[in-house]
Amino acid sequence: MFYRPNIDDHGLPHNPFKTIVAPRPIGWISTLDKNGNANLAPYSFFNGVQDVPPMVMYSTTGRKIGLDEEKDSLENIRATGEFCVSIVSSDLQDAMNISSAHAPHGDDEYAHAGLTKGTSSVIKAPFVAEAPVSMECKLFQEIALPGHAFMIIGEVVGIHIQDQHIKDGLLDITSYKPLARLGYRDYAAVTETFSLNRPGQT
């Protein structure tokens, strides 16, 4: 099949785009508002941008469903210029799902999901203490996208890794099985890896 997005009717029960671009890591974004209230929300349009200096991005689309409010993560980053990204392990999938609810501003997703606020070392926003890896970030740039969407690029200024996930000097992601977003309502967990050498490398 072939179709042109936003022009043709693809004829399928659901838009396949999110399933095509998959799996996608989940950025569990935590922020503080200008009054010091914490917010936590997962975003699957998330990834690393570069490694020197380390930078990550996430994008947010639309407003809160059923509420006349901008999404708290975006508003808080605009107000404070900082955020944390925690990586969702497979055993945190239910807590992540709870934190995805479109709640009114001021609701504490940490409390709803039974999570602990970790104390950051460089910035003020907390991170998910139960997460295997968390990154403290400072806003580098906000980019407006079509359709009331925004891309946030942040420079990573601090990284927290739980010691039990470092084995033989390497971060072993299979020890915590990071969760990935697919399309529709589907997710996957990374349980095994394999290695490849580039041509010419040994």
Protein backbone atom coordinates (compact mmCIF):
# COMPACT_ATOMS: atom_id res chain seq x y z
CA MET A 1 0.00 0.00 0.00
CA PHE A 2 0.97 3.64 -0.37
CA TYR A 3 -0.66 6.75 1.04
CA ARG A 4 0.21 10.39 1.62
CA PRO A 5 -0.29 11.42 5.26
CA ASN A 6 -2.85 14.18 5.80
CA ILE A 7 -3.89 13.87 2.15
CA ASP A 8 -5.01 10.30 1.57
CA ASP A 9 -7.17 7.99 3.65
CA HIS A 10 -4.91 5.08 4.58
CA GLY A 11 -7.96 2.86 4.95
CA LEU A 12 -6.74 1.15 8.13
CA PRO A 13 -8.61 1.12 11.46
CA HIS A 14 -5.81 3.13 13.11
CA ASN A 15 -3.00 5.37 11.91
CA PRO A 16 0.08 3.12 11.46
CA PHE A 17 2.70 5.88 11.76
CA LYS A 18 3.53 5.32 15.44
CA THR A 19 3.94 1.62 14.79
CA ILE A 20 6.23 2.24 11.83
CA VAL A 21 8.57 4.40 13.91
CA ALA A 22 9.11 1.83 16.66
CA PRO A 23 10.29 0.82 19.13
CA ARG A 24 10.69 4.21 20.78
CA PRO A 25 12.33 4.75 24.19
CA ILE A 26 10.14 6.44 26.77
CA GLY A 27 11.31 9.67 28.35
CA TRP A 28 9.76 9.98 31.80
CA ILE A 29 9.92 13.76 32.14
CA SER A 30 9.88 15.33 35.58
CA THR A 31 9.72 19.06 36.20
CA LEU A 32 8.92 21.66 38.82
CA ASP A 33 6.53 24.53 38.31
CA LYS A 34 7.43 28.06 39.42
CA ASN A 35 5.94 27.33 42.85
CA GLY A 36 8.01 24.18 43.36
CA ASN A 37 5.28 21.62 42.64
CA ALA A 38 6.54 18.48 40.90
CA ASN A 39 5.08 16.99 37.72
CA LEU A 40 5.84 13.67 36.04
CA ALA A 41 4.72 12.45 32.60
CA PRO A 42 5.96 9.90 30.01
CA TYR A 43 6.67 10.83 26.39
CA SER A 44 7.48 8.31 23.68
CA PHE A 45 8.65 10.83 21.10
CA PHE A 46 11.98 10.89 22.92
CA ASN A 47 15.57 10.09 22.08
CA GLY A 48 19.21 11.06 22.34
CA VAL A 49 20.45 13.76 19.98
CA GLN A 50 24.23 13.64 20.40
CA ASP A 51 26.81 12.49 22.92
CA VAL A 52 29.36 15.35 23.20
CA PRO A 53 27.93 17.25 24.93
CA PRO A 54 25.17 14.75 25.71
CA MET A 55 21.77 16.03 24.59
CA VAL A 56 18.28 14.57 24.50
CA MET A 57 14.99 15.61 22.93
CA TYR A 58 11.33 14.96 23.47
CA SER A 59 8.28 16.33 21.75
CA THR A 60 4.86 17.07 23.11
CA THR A 61 1.73 17.21 20.98
CA GLY A 62 -1.58 18.90 21.67
CA ARG A 63 -3.05 20.00 24.96
CA LYS A 64 -4.38 17.93 27.86
CA ILE A 65 -7.25 15.71 26.76
CA GLY A 66 -10.49 16.87 28.39
CA LEU A 67 -8.87 19.87 30.05
CA ASP A 68 -8.29 23.40 28.81
CA GLU A 69 -4.67 23.36 29.88
CA GLU A 70 -1.26 23.23 28.23
CA LYS A 71 0.72 20.16 29.26
CA ASP A 72 2.52 20.76 32.55
CA SER A 73 5.91 19.46 31.40
CA LEU A 74 6.11 22.08 28.67
CA GLU A 75 4.87 24.95 30.83
CA ASN A 76 7.25 24.04 33.66
CA ILE A 77 10.29 23.78 31.39
CA ARG A 78 9.45 27.16 29.93
CA ALA A 79 9.25 28.61 33.44
CA THR A 80 12.36 27.01 34.95
CA GLY A 81 14.59 26.00 32.02
CA GLU A 82 15.23 22.51 33.38
CA PHE A 83 13.88 18.96 33.56
CA CYS A 84 14.86 15.40 34.39
CA VAL A 85 14.45 12.30 32.24
CA SER A 86 14.10 8.92 33.93
CA ILE A 87 14.26 5.64 32.03
CA VAL A 88 11.27 3.33 32.52
CA SER A 89 12.22 -0.22 33.48
CA SER A 90 9.75 -3.03 32.82
CA ASP A 91 8.88 -3.34 36.52
CA LEU A 92 7.81 0.34 36.54
CA GLN A 93 5.35 -0.02 33.65
CA ASP A 94 2.24 0.33 35.82
CA ALA A 95 3.57 3.42 37.58
CA MET A 96 4.48 4.93 34.21
CA ASN A 97 0.99 4.25 32.91
CA ILE A 98 -0.62 5.89 35.95
CA SER A 99 1.53 8.99 35.43
CA SER A 100 0.30 9.30 31.83
CA ALA A 101 -3.17 10.47 32.94
CA HIS A 102 -4.17 13.98 31.88
CA ALA A 103 -4.53 15.37 35.40
CA PRO A 104 -5.21 18.99 36.40
CA HIS A 105 -2.24 21.23 37.08
CA GLY A 106 -0.97 20.71 40.62
CA ASP A 107 -1.78 17.01 40.89
CA ASP A 108 1.19 14.98 42.17
CA GLU A 109 1.82 12.10 39.76
CA TYR A 110 4.57 10.80 42.04
CA ALA A 111 2.01 10.29 44.81
CA HIS A 112 -0.61 8.78 42.48
CA ALA A 113 1.92 6.28 41.10
CA GLY A 114 3.57 5.46 44.43
CA LEU A 115 6.95 6.81 43.36
CA THR A 116 9.75 8.55 45.24
CA LYS A 117 11.18 11.93 44.26
CA GLY A 118 14.95 11.64 43.89
CA THR A 119 17.04 14.71 44.75
CA SER A 120 18.97 16.07 41.80
CA SER A 121 22.57 17.23 42.13
CA VAL A 122 22.77 20.01 39.52
CA ILE A 123 19.20 21.19 38.95
CA LYS A 124 16.13 21.53 41.18
CA ALA A 125 13.67 19.23 39.39
CA PRO A 126 13.44 15.74 40.96
CA PHE A 127 13.79 12.41 39.20
CA VAL A 128 12.18 9.01 39.72
CA ALA A 129 14.30 7.44 42.46
CA GLU A 130 13.15 3.95 41.50
CA ALA A 131 14.30 4.35 37.89
CA PRO A 132 17.51 2.58 36.86
CA VAL A 133 18.88 5.65 35.07
CA SER A 134 17.95 9.33 35.26
CA MET A 135 19.37 12.40 33.53
CA GLU A 136 19.32 15.96 34.77
CA CYS A 137 18.85 18.38 31.87
CA LYS A 138 18.91 22.08 31.16
CA LEU A 139 16.84 23.51 28.33
CA PHE A 140 18.89 24.13 25.20
CA GLN A 141 16.16 25.00 22.71
CA GLU A 142 12.42 24.80 22.15
CA ILE A 143 11.28 24.29 18.56
CA ALA A 144 7.67 24.86 17.48
CA LEU A 145 6.30 22.15 15.18
CA PRO A 146 3.13 22.09 13.05
CA GLY A 147 -0.12 21.11 14.74
CA HIS A 148 0.42 22.66 18.19
CA ALA A 149 3.46 20.50 18.92
CA PHE A 150 6.81 21.43 20.41
CA MET A 151 10.23 19.79 20.52
CA ILE A 152 12.33 20.32 23.63
CA ILE A 153 16.09 19.81 23.37
CA GLY A 154 18.01 19.59 26.62
CA GLU A 155 21.67 19.31 27.53
CA VAL A 156 22.34 16.51 30.01
CA VAL A 157 24.22 18.00 32.97
CA GLY A 158 24.01 15.08 35.41
CA ILE A 159 23.42 11.32 35.15
CA HIS A 160 22.28 8.93 37.88
CA ILE A 161 22.81 5.18 37.36
CA GLN A 162 21.86 2.57 39.95
CA ASP A 163 25.07 0.67 40.69
CA GLN A 164 23.57 -2.81 40.30
CA HIS A 165 23.08 -2.19 36.58
CA ILE A 166 26.79 -1.65 35.89
CA LYS A 167 28.46 -4.99 35.12
CA ASP A 168 32.09 -5.37 34.06
CA GLY A 169 32.26 -1.62 33.50
CA LEU A 170 29.26 -1.53 31.16
CA LEU A 171 25.66 -0.47 31.65
CA ASP A 172 23.66 -3.70 31.34
CA ILE A 173 20.24 -2.65 30.10
CA THR A 174 18.98 -6.24 30.18
CA SER A 175 19.25 -6.09 33.97
CA TYR A 176 16.38 -3.60 34.09
CA LYS A 177 14.67 -4.26 30.73
CA PRO A 178 13.86 -0.74 29.48
CA LEU A 179 10.33 -0.27 28.24
CA ALA A 180 9.74 0.86 24.66
CA ARG A 181 6.60 2.27 23.06
CA LEU A 182 5.23 0.73 19.91
CA GLY A 183 2.04 1.78 18.16
CA TYR A 184 -1.56 1.56 19.26
CA ARG A 185 -1.53 0.44 22.94
CA ASP A 186 1.48 -1.82 22.56
CA TYR A 187 4.79 -1.81 24.40
CA ALA A 188 7.93 -3.97 24.40
CA ALA A 189 10.75 -4.61 26.87
CA VAL A 190 14.39 -5.11 25.89
CA THR A 191 15.38 -8.48 27.33
CA GLU A 192 18.37 -9.42 25.17
CA THR A 193 20.99 -7.75 23.00
CA PHE A 194 23.56 -8.71 20.36
CA SER A 195 26.69 -7.01 19.05
CA LEU A 196 27.88 -6.15 15.55
CA ASN A 197 31.22 -4.71 14.47
CA ARG A 198 31.26 -2.10 11.72
CA PRO A 199 33.16 -3.12 8.60
CA GLY A 200 36.88 -2.74 9.26
CA GLN A 201 36.48 -2.85 13.05
CA THR A 202 37.70 -5.68 15.23
